[in-house]
Amino acid sequence: MTADIVNLRRARKAKARTEADAAAAENRAKFGRPKAERDLRAAVDDLAARRHEGHRLGAGDVQSKPATDEAGSRTDEPS
């Protein structure tokens, strides 16, 4: 009657690894996003970034306020 010798340290680590893998699989199902959803989000973010950059004013694009005289009327208006 011979019994298999079990290394308790290895058995404990294997059990912990199995439990961690099960928790990871549960979290992937709970919090993970499908590839299609990730790709869609990336495309929407890229489009928003390009639109934002498209509205940026360059160094020569700064618009000045219209000139006014002391009375507050614009000087470029025809009288």
N, C-alpha and C. Protein backbone atom coordinates (compact mmCIF):
# COMPACT_ATOMS: atom_id res chain seq x y z
N MET A 1 0.83 -1.16 0.00
CA MET A 1 0.00 0.00 0.00
C MET A 1 0.89 1.24 0.00
N THR A 2 1.18 1.73 -1.18
CA THR A 2 2.01 2.91 -1.29
C THR A 2 1.15 4.08 -1.75
N ALA A 3 1.40 5.21 -1.17
CA ALA A 3 0.65 6.42 -1.51
C ALA A 3 1.56 7.35 -2.31
N ASP A 4 0.96 8.13 -3.18
CA ASP A 4 1.75 9.11 -3.93
C ASP A 4 2.16 10.23 -2.99
N ILE A 5 3.40 10.62 -3.14
CA ILE A 5 3.90 11.72 -2.33
C ILE A 5 3.51 13.03 -3.03
N VAL A 6 2.89 13.91 -2.28
CA VAL A 6 2.41 15.18 -2.83
C VAL A 6 3.19 16.32 -2.19
N ASN A 7 3.76 17.16 -3.01
CA ASN A 7 4.44 18.34 -2.52
C ASN A 7 3.36 19.38 -2.20
N LEU A 8 3.18 19.70 -0.94
CA LEU A 8 2.09 20.59 -0.52
C LEU A 8 2.25 22.00 -1.08
N ARG A 9 3.48 22.46 -1.20
CA ARG A 9 3.72 23.80 -1.74
C ARG A 9 3.23 23.87 -3.19
N ARG A 10 3.58 22.87 -3.98
CA ARG A 10 3.14 22.84 -5.38
C ARG A 10 1.63 22.70 -5.49
N ALA A 11 1.05 21.88 -4.65
CA ALA A 11 -0.41 21.70 -4.67
C ALA A 11 -1.12 22.99 -4.30
N ARG A 12 -0.61 23.70 -3.31
CA ARG A 12 -1.22 24.96 -2.88
C ARG A 12 -1.12 26.01 -3.99
N LYS A 13 0.05 26.08 -4.64
CA LYS A 13 0.23 27.05 -5.73
C LYS A 13 -0.64 26.69 -6.93
N ALA A 14 -0.77 25.42 -7.23
CA ALA A 14 -1.61 24.99 -8.36
C ALA A 14 -3.07 25.34 -8.09
N LYS A 15 -3.51 25.14 -6.86
CA LYS A 15 -4.89 25.48 -6.51
C LYS A 15 -5.12 26.98 -6.63
N ALA A 16 -4.16 27.78 -6.15
CA ALA A 16 -4.29 29.24 -6.23
C ALA A 16 -4.31 29.69 -7.69
N ARG A 17 -3.48 29.06 -8.53
CA ARG A 17 -3.43 29.40 -9.95
C ARG A 17 -4.77 29.08 -10.62
N THR A 18 -5.35 27.95 -10.29
CA THR A 18 -6.64 27.55 -10.85
C THR A 18 -7.74 28.52 -10.44
N GLU A 19 -7.74 28.92 -9.18
CA GLU A 19 -8.74 29.88 -8.70
C GLU A 19 -8.55 31.24 -9.35
N ALA A 20 -7.30 31.66 -9.53
CA ALA A 20 -7.04 32.95 -10.18
C ALA A 20 -7.48 32.91 -11.64
N ASP A 21 -7.25 31.80 -12.32
CA ASP A 21 -7.69 31.67 -13.71
C ASP A 21 -9.21 31.73 -13.82
N ALA A 22 -9.90 31.11 -12.87
CA ALA A 22 -11.36 31.14 -12.88
C ALA A 22 -11.87 32.56 -12.64
N ALA A 23 -11.24 33.28 -11.71
CA ALA A 23 -11.64 34.67 -11.44
C ALA A 23 -11.36 35.55 -12.65
N ALA A 24 -10.24 35.32 -13.33
CA ALA A 24 -9.90 36.11 -14.52
C ALA A 24 -10.91 35.86 -15.63
N ALA A 25 -11.31 34.62 -15.82
CA ALA A 25 -12.30 34.30 -16.85
C ALA A 25 -13.64 34.96 -16.54
N GLU A 26 -14.01 34.96 -15.27
CA GLU A 26 -15.25 35.62 -14.87
C GLU A 26 -15.19 37.12 -15.11
N ASN A 27 -14.06 37.75 -14.81
CA ASN A 27 -13.90 39.18 -15.03
C ASN A 27 -13.87 39.52 -16.51
N ARG A 28 -13.27 38.65 -17.33
CA ARG A 28 -13.27 38.90 -18.78
C ARG A 28 -14.69 38.90 -19.31
N ALA A 29 -15.50 37.98 -18.83
CA ALA A 29 -16.89 37.91 -19.29
C ALA A 29 -17.70 39.09 -18.77
N LYS A 30 -17.38 39.53 -17.57
CA LYS A 30 -18.14 40.59 -16.92
C LYS A 30 -17.77 41.98 -17.44
N PHE A 31 -16.47 42.25 -17.60
CA PHE A 31 -16.00 43.59 -17.92
C PHE A 31 -15.39 43.73 -19.31
N GLY A 32 -15.12 42.65 -19.98
CA GLY A 32 -14.47 42.72 -21.29
C GLY A 32 -15.42 43.24 -22.35
N ARG A 33 -14.83 43.81 -23.40
CA ARG A 33 -15.63 44.31 -24.51
C ARG A 33 -15.26 43.52 -25.76
N PRO A 34 -16.21 43.23 -26.62
CA PRO A 34 -15.91 42.52 -27.86
C PRO A 34 -15.03 43.37 -28.77
N LYS A 35 -14.32 42.72 -29.67
CA LYS A 35 -13.41 43.42 -30.58
C LYS A 35 -14.15 44.44 -31.43
N ALA A 36 -15.33 44.12 -31.88
CA ALA A 36 -16.10 45.05 -32.71
C ALA A 36 -16.41 46.33 -31.94
N GLU A 37 -16.75 46.19 -30.67
CA GLU A 37 -17.04 47.37 -29.85
C GLU A 37 -15.79 48.21 -29.62
N ARG A 38 -14.65 47.54 -29.38
CA ARG A 38 -13.39 48.27 -29.19
C ARG A 38 -13.01 49.03 -30.46
N ASP A 39 -13.16 48.37 -31.63
CA ASP A 39 -12.84 49.01 -32.90
C ASP A 39 -13.75 50.19 -33.18
N LEU A 40 -15.04 50.05 -32.88
CA LEU A 40 -15.98 51.14 -33.08
C LEU A 40 -15.62 52.33 -32.20
N ARG A 41 -15.30 52.08 -30.93
CA ARG A 41 -14.93 53.15 -30.00
C ARG A 41 -13.66 53.85 -30.48
N ALA A 42 -12.69 53.10 -30.98
CA ALA A 42 -11.45 53.69 -31.48
C ALA A 42 -11.73 54.56 -32.70
N ALA A 43 -12.62 54.11 -33.59
CA ALA A 43 -12.95 54.89 -34.78
C ALA A 43 -13.68 56.18 -34.40
N VAL A 44 -14.59 56.11 -33.45
CA VAL A 44 -15.32 57.30 -33.01
C VAL A 44 -14.36 58.29 -32.35
N ASP A 45 -13.45 57.79 -31.52
CA ASP A 45 -12.48 58.67 -30.87
C ASP A 45 -11.56 59.32 -31.89
N ASP A 46 -11.14 58.56 -32.92
CA ASP A 46 -10.28 59.11 -33.96
C ASP A 46 -11.00 60.19 -34.75
N LEU A 47 -12.26 59.95 -35.08
CA LEU A 47 -13.04 60.94 -35.81
C LEU A 47 -13.20 62.22 -34.99
N ALA A 48 -13.48 62.08 -33.71
CA ALA A 48 -13.63 63.25 -32.85
C ALA A 48 -12.32 64.03 -32.75
N ALA A 49 -11.21 63.33 -32.66
CA ALA A 49 -9.91 63.99 -32.58
C ALA A 49 -9.60 64.74 -33.87
N ARG A 50 -9.91 64.13 -35.02
CA ARG A 50 -9.66 64.80 -36.30
C ARG A 50 -10.55 66.03 -36.46
N ARG A 51 -11.80 65.94 -36.04
CA ARG A 51 -12.69 67.11 -36.12
C ARG A 51 -12.20 68.23 -35.21
N HIS A 52 -11.74 67.85 -34.04
CA HIS A 52 -11.23 68.84 -33.09
C HIS A 52 -9.99 69.54 -33.66
N GLU A 53 -9.09 68.77 -34.24
CA GLU A 53 -7.88 69.35 -34.83
C GLU A 53 -8.23 70.20 -36.05
N GLY A 54 -9.28 69.84 -36.76
CA GLY A 54 -9.68 70.60 -37.94
C GLY A 54 -10.20 71.99 -37.61
N HIS A 55 -10.64 72.19 -36.39
CA HIS A 55 -11.14 73.50 -35.99
C HIS A 55 -10.08 74.36 -35.32
N ARG A 56 -8.86 73.84 -35.23
CA ARG A 56 -7.78 74.59 -34.59
C ARG A 56 -7.36 75.75 -35.48
N LEU A 57 -7.13 76.89 -34.88
CA LEU A 57 -6.66 78.05 -35.62
C LEU A 57 -5.15 77.98 -35.73
N GLY A 58 -4.64 78.31 -36.91
CA GLY A 58 -3.19 78.34 -37.11
C GLY A 58 -2.64 79.69 -36.68
N ALA A 59 -1.34 79.88 -36.85
CA ALA A 59 -0.69 81.12 -36.43
C ALA A 59 -1.21 82.31 -37.23
N GLY A 60 -1.49 82.14 -38.51
CA GLY A 60 -1.97 83.24 -39.35
C GLY A 60 -3.48 83.35 -39.38
N ASP A 61 -4.19 82.49 -38.69
CA ASP A 61 -5.64 82.46 -38.75
C ASP A 61 -6.33 83.27 -37.66
N VAL A 62 -5.59 83.94 -36.82
CA VAL A 62 -6.19 84.66 -35.70
C VAL A 62 -6.99 85.84 -36.24
N GLN A 63 -8.25 85.91 -35.85
CA GLN A 63 -9.12 86.99 -36.30
C GLN A 63 -9.13 88.08 -35.24
N SER A 64 -8.98 89.32 -35.69
CA SER A 64 -9.02 90.43 -34.73
C SER A 64 -10.44 90.97 -34.65
N LYS A 65 -10.71 91.68 -33.57
CA LYS A 65 -12.02 92.30 -33.39
C LYS A 65 -12.14 93.48 -34.35
N PRO A 66 -13.34 93.80 -34.80
CA PRO A 66 -13.51 94.96 -35.68
C PRO A 66 -13.14 96.24 -34.93
N ALA A 67 -12.54 97.17 -35.65
CA ALA A 67 -12.13 98.43 -35.05
C ALA A 67 -13.36 99.29 -34.74
N THR A 68 -13.34 99.95 -33.59
CA THR A 68 -14.44 100.83 -33.19
C THR A 68 -13.87 102.19 -32.83
N ASP A 69 -14.70 103.23 -32.98
CA ASP A 69 -14.26 104.56 -32.56
C ASP A 69 -14.70 104.80 -31.11
N GLU A 70 -14.54 106.02 -30.61
CA GLU A 70 -14.85 106.32 -29.22
C GLU A 70 -16.32 106.11 -28.89
N ALA A 71 -17.22 106.31 -29.85
CA ALA A 71 -18.65 106.18 -29.62
C ALA A 71 -19.08 104.71 -29.61
N GLY A 72 -18.21 103.81 -30.00
CA GLY A 72 -18.54 102.40 -29.98
C GLY A 72 -19.07 101.87 -31.29
N SER A 73 -19.15 102.73 -32.33
CA SER A 73 -19.62 102.24 -33.62
C SER A 73 -18.43 101.74 -34.42
N ARG A 74 -18.70 100.77 -35.26
CA ARG A 74 -17.62 100.19 -36.05
C ARG A 74 -17.16 101.19 -37.10
N THR A 75 -15.86 101.25 -37.31
CA THR A 75 -15.31 102.21 -38.27
C THR A 75 -15.37 101.70 -39.69
N ASP A 76 -15.56 100.40 -39.89
CA ASP A 76 -15.60 99.88 -41.25
C ASP A 76 -17.00 99.87 -41.84
N GLU A 77 -18.01 100.33 -41.07
CA GLU A 77 -19.37 100.40 -41.58
C GLU A 77 -19.53 101.63 -42.46
N PRO A 78 -20.29 101.50 -43.53
CA PRO A 78 -20.56 102.70 -44.35
C PRO A 78 -21.50 103.65 -43.61
N SER A 79 -21.29 104.94 -43.75
CA SER A 79 -22.13 105.90 -43.05
C SER A 79 -23.28 106.37 -43.88
